[in-house]
Amino acid sequence: PMPGAAQKAFAVATNPKADAEQFLELLESDEALAARILKVANSVYYDRGQGSRTLADAVNVIGLSELRGLLNANTLTDLFPS
């Protein structure tokens, strides 16, 4: 069985009707995942010179489509570390 946090992340990421608020709720409930998303949002690829200081900023910078992919990748990496 999938851990609870991974189940939530997978459910939100695979729901085509999920909105930014649902992503924010998920990220606010998981500190490790929130830190990863902030790190990605502040990476050279996404940073637009201002930096993302909040999770809302990070979600806006990354975008929902990309965020879905990141959450799916993160969930799979957690389940299959090797």
N, C-alpha and C. Protein backbone atom coordinates (compact mmCIF):
# COMPACT_ATOMS: atom_id res chain seq x y z
N PRO A 1 0.82 -1.21 0.00
CA PRO A 1 0.00 0.00 0.00
C PRO A 1 0.85 1.26 0.00
N MET A 2 0.30 2.28 -0.57
CA MET A 2 0.98 3.57 -0.69
C MET A 2 0.85 4.35 0.63
N PRO A 3 1.93 5.02 1.08
CA PRO A 3 1.81 5.86 2.28
C PRO A 3 0.76 6.95 2.10
N GLY A 4 0.20 7.44 3.21
CA GLY A 4 -0.88 8.42 3.17
C GLY A 4 -0.54 9.67 2.39
N ALA A 5 0.63 10.24 2.62
CA ALA A 5 1.03 11.46 1.92
C ALA A 5 1.16 11.21 0.43
N ALA A 6 1.71 10.06 0.07
CA ALA A 6 1.86 9.73 -1.34
C ALA A 6 0.50 9.54 -2.00
N GLN A 7 -0.44 8.96 -1.27
CA GLN A 7 -1.79 8.77 -1.81
C GLN A 7 -2.44 10.11 -2.10
N LYS A 8 -2.31 11.06 -1.17
CA LYS A 8 -2.88 12.39 -1.37
C LYS A 8 -2.26 13.07 -2.58
N ALA A 9 -0.93 13.01 -2.67
CA ALA A 9 -0.22 13.66 -3.77
C ALA A 9 -0.64 13.04 -5.10
N PHE A 10 -0.73 11.72 -5.15
CA PHE A 10 -1.11 11.05 -6.38
C PHE A 10 -2.55 11.38 -6.76
N ALA A 11 -3.45 11.44 -5.77
CA ALA A 11 -4.86 11.75 -6.04
C ALA A 11 -5.02 13.15 -6.60
N VAL A 12 -4.31 14.12 -6.03
CA VAL A 12 -4.41 15.50 -6.53
C VAL A 12 -3.76 15.61 -7.90
N ALA A 13 -2.60 15.00 -8.06
CA ALA A 13 -1.86 15.11 -9.32
C ALA A 13 -2.60 14.46 -10.49
N THR A 14 -3.36 13.42 -10.22
CA THR A 14 -4.05 12.73 -11.31
C THR A 14 -5.48 13.23 -11.54
N ASN A 15 -5.93 14.15 -10.69
CA ASN A 15 -7.27 14.70 -10.84
C ASN A 15 -7.22 15.87 -11.84
N PRO A 16 -7.81 15.71 -13.03
CA PRO A 16 -7.74 16.79 -14.01
C PRO A 16 -8.49 18.06 -13.61
N LYS A 17 -9.38 17.94 -12.62
CA LYS A 17 -10.13 19.11 -12.16
C LYS A 17 -9.52 19.77 -10.93
N ALA A 18 -8.37 19.27 -10.47
CA ALA A 18 -7.72 19.86 -9.30
C ALA A 18 -7.28 21.28 -9.62
N ASP A 19 -7.50 22.17 -8.66
CA ASP A 19 -7.10 23.56 -8.86
C ASP A 19 -5.92 23.92 -7.95
N ALA A 20 -5.48 25.14 -8.07
CA ALA A 20 -4.30 25.60 -7.32
C ALA A 20 -4.51 25.47 -5.81
N GLU A 21 -5.72 25.70 -5.34
CA GLU A 21 -6.00 25.60 -3.91
C GLU A 21 -5.77 24.19 -3.38
N GLN A 22 -6.17 23.20 -4.16
CA GLN A 22 -5.96 21.82 -3.75
C GLN A 22 -4.48 21.48 -3.70
N PHE A 23 -3.71 21.99 -4.66
CA PHE A 23 -2.27 21.77 -4.64
C PHE A 23 -1.64 22.45 -3.43
N LEU A 24 -2.11 23.66 -3.12
CA LEU A 24 -1.58 24.37 -1.96
C LEU A 24 -1.89 23.64 -0.66
N GLU A 25 -3.11 23.13 -0.52
CA GLU A 25 -3.48 22.37 0.67
C GLU A 25 -2.58 21.15 0.84
N LEU A 26 -2.32 20.45 -0.26
CA LEU A 26 -1.45 19.29 -0.23
C LEU A 26 -0.05 19.67 0.21
N LEU A 27 0.49 20.72 -0.41
CA LEU A 27 1.86 21.14 -0.10
C LEU A 27 1.98 21.64 1.34
N GLU A 28 0.97 22.32 1.83
CA GLU A 28 1.01 22.83 3.20
C GLU A 28 0.94 21.71 4.23
N SER A 29 0.44 20.56 3.84
CA SER A 29 0.34 19.44 4.77
C SER A 29 1.59 18.56 4.78
N ASP A 30 2.52 18.79 3.86
CA ASP A 30 3.72 17.95 3.77
C ASP A 30 4.95 18.85 3.63
N GLU A 31 5.68 19.02 4.73
CA GLU A 31 6.83 19.94 4.73
C GLU A 31 7.93 19.53 3.75
N ALA A 32 8.21 18.25 3.68
CA ALA A 32 9.27 17.79 2.79
C ALA A 32 8.92 18.06 1.32
N LEU A 33 7.70 17.77 0.97
CA LEU A 33 7.25 18.02 -0.41
C LEU A 33 7.23 19.51 -0.70
N ALA A 34 6.78 20.31 0.26
CA ALA A 34 6.76 21.76 0.08
C ALA A 34 8.18 22.29 -0.14
N ALA A 35 9.13 21.78 0.61
CA ALA A 35 10.52 22.22 0.45
C ALA A 35 11.05 21.86 -0.93
N ARG A 36 10.70 20.67 -1.42
CA ARG A 36 11.15 20.26 -2.75
C ARG A 36 10.57 21.17 -3.83
N ILE A 37 9.28 21.49 -3.70
CA ILE A 37 8.63 22.33 -4.69
C ILE A 37 9.19 23.74 -4.67
N LEU A 38 9.45 24.27 -3.48
CA LEU A 38 10.08 25.60 -3.39
C LEU A 38 11.47 25.59 -4.00
N LYS A 39 12.20 24.51 -3.78
CA LYS A 39 13.55 24.39 -4.36
C LYS A 39 13.48 24.38 -5.89
N VAL A 40 12.52 23.64 -6.42
CA VAL A 40 12.35 23.59 -7.87
C VAL A 40 11.94 24.96 -8.41
N ALA A 41 11.00 25.61 -7.74
CA ALA A 41 10.52 26.92 -8.20
C ALA A 41 11.64 27.96 -8.19
N ASN A 42 12.60 27.81 -7.29
CA ASN A 42 13.71 28.76 -7.21
C ASN A 42 14.94 28.30 -7.99
N SER A 43 14.79 27.23 -8.74
CA SER A 43 15.90 26.75 -9.57
C SER A 43 16.10 27.69 -10.76
N VAL A 44 17.21 27.54 -11.41
CA VAL A 44 17.53 28.39 -12.56
C VAL A 44 16.49 28.25 -13.66
N TYR A 45 15.91 27.08 -13.81
CA TYR A 45 14.94 26.83 -14.86
C TYR A 45 13.67 27.65 -14.68
N TYR A 46 13.18 27.77 -13.45
CA TYR A 46 11.91 28.45 -13.20
C TYR A 46 12.04 29.87 -12.65
N ASP A 47 13.13 30.18 -11.98
CA ASP A 47 13.27 31.48 -11.32
C ASP A 47 13.27 32.60 -12.36
N ARG A 48 12.47 33.62 -12.10
CA ARG A 48 12.39 34.76 -13.01
C ARG A 48 12.99 36.00 -12.37
N GLY A 49 13.97 35.78 -11.49
CA GLY A 49 14.69 36.89 -10.90
C GLY A 49 14.14 37.39 -9.58
N GLN A 50 12.92 36.99 -9.22
CA GLN A 50 12.34 37.48 -7.98
C GLN A 50 12.35 36.41 -6.89
N GLY A 51 12.42 35.17 -7.26
CA GLY A 51 12.40 34.09 -6.30
C GLY A 51 11.01 33.83 -5.76
N SER A 52 10.75 32.59 -5.42
CA SER A 52 9.47 32.20 -4.84
C SER A 52 9.65 32.08 -3.34
N ARG A 53 8.96 32.93 -2.60
CA ARG A 53 9.08 32.91 -1.15
C ARG A 53 7.95 32.13 -0.47
N THR A 54 6.84 31.98 -1.17
CA THR A 54 5.70 31.26 -0.61
C THR A 54 5.33 30.10 -1.53
N LEU A 55 4.54 29.19 -0.99
CA LEU A 55 4.08 28.07 -1.81
C LEU A 55 3.17 28.55 -2.94
N ALA A 56 2.38 29.58 -2.68
CA ALA A 56 1.51 30.13 -3.73
C ALA A 56 2.36 30.67 -4.88
N ASP A 57 3.44 31.36 -4.55
CA ASP A 57 4.36 31.85 -5.59
C ASP A 57 4.92 30.68 -6.39
N ALA A 58 5.33 29.63 -5.68
CA ALA A 58 5.93 28.47 -6.34
C ALA A 58 4.93 27.80 -7.28
N VAL A 59 3.68 27.64 -6.84
CA VAL A 59 2.66 27.02 -7.68
C VAL A 59 2.41 27.88 -8.93
N ASN A 60 2.38 29.18 -8.76
CA ASN A 60 2.17 30.07 -9.91
C ASN A 60 3.34 30.01 -10.88
N VAL A 61 4.54 29.96 -10.37
CA VAL A 61 5.72 29.94 -11.24
C VAL A 61 5.82 28.62 -12.00
N ILE A 62 5.60 27.53 -11.30
CA ILE A 62 5.74 26.22 -11.93
C ILE A 62 4.56 25.92 -12.85
N GLY A 63 3.36 26.25 -12.43
CA GLY A 63 2.18 25.95 -13.23
C GLY A 63 1.60 24.60 -12.87
N LEU A 64 0.31 24.46 -13.02
CA LEU A 64 -0.37 23.24 -12.58
C LEU A 64 0.04 22.01 -13.39
N SER A 65 0.22 22.17 -14.66
CA SER A 65 0.59 21.03 -15.50
C SER A 65 1.95 20.47 -15.10
N GLU A 66 2.92 21.35 -14.96
CA GLU A 66 4.26 20.92 -14.55
C GLU A 66 4.23 20.38 -13.12
N LEU A 67 3.45 21.00 -12.27
CA LEU A 67 3.36 20.57 -10.88
C LEU A 67 2.79 19.15 -10.79
N ARG A 68 1.83 18.84 -11.63
CA ARG A 68 1.30 17.47 -11.68
C ARG A 68 2.41 16.48 -11.99
N GLY A 69 3.21 16.80 -12.98
CA GLY A 69 4.32 15.92 -13.35
C GLY A 69 5.34 15.78 -12.23
N LEU A 70 5.65 16.88 -11.56
CA LEU A 70 6.60 16.84 -10.45
C LEU A 70 6.07 16.00 -9.29
N LEU A 71 4.79 16.14 -8.99
CA LEU A 71 4.20 15.35 -7.90
C LEU A 71 4.18 13.87 -8.24
N ASN A 72 3.84 13.55 -9.47
CA ASN A 72 3.85 12.14 -9.88
C ASN A 72 5.25 11.57 -9.81
N ALA A 73 6.22 12.30 -10.30
CA ALA A 73 7.61 11.84 -10.25
C ALA A 73 8.07 11.68 -8.80
N ASN A 74 7.72 12.62 -7.95
CA ASN A 74 8.10 12.55 -6.55
C ASN A 74 7.46 11.35 -5.86
N THR A 75 6.19 11.10 -6.15
CA THR A 75 5.48 9.97 -5.56
C THR A 75 6.12 8.66 -5.99
N LEU A 76 6.42 8.53 -7.27
CA LEU A 76 7.02 7.30 -7.76
C LEU A 76 8.42 7.10 -7.21
N THR A 77 9.17 8.18 -7.06
CA THR A 77 10.52 8.09 -6.50
C THR A 77 10.46 7.64 -5.04
N ASP A 78 9.48 8.13 -4.30
CA ASP A 78 9.32 7.71 -2.91
C ASP A 78 8.93 6.23 -2.80
N LEU A 79 8.11 5.76 -3.74
CA LEU A 79 7.66 4.37 -3.70
C LEU A 79 8.73 3.40 -4.18
N PHE A 80 9.50 3.82 -5.18
CA PHE A 80 10.53 2.96 -5.78
C PHE A 80 11.88 3.66 -5.76
N PRO A 81 12.52 3.74 -4.59
CA PRO A 81 13.75 4.52 -4.46
C PRO A 81 14.92 4.01 -5.31
N SER A 82 14.94 2.75 -5.64
CA SER A 82 16.06 2.24 -6.42
C SER A 82 15.85 2.50 -7.88
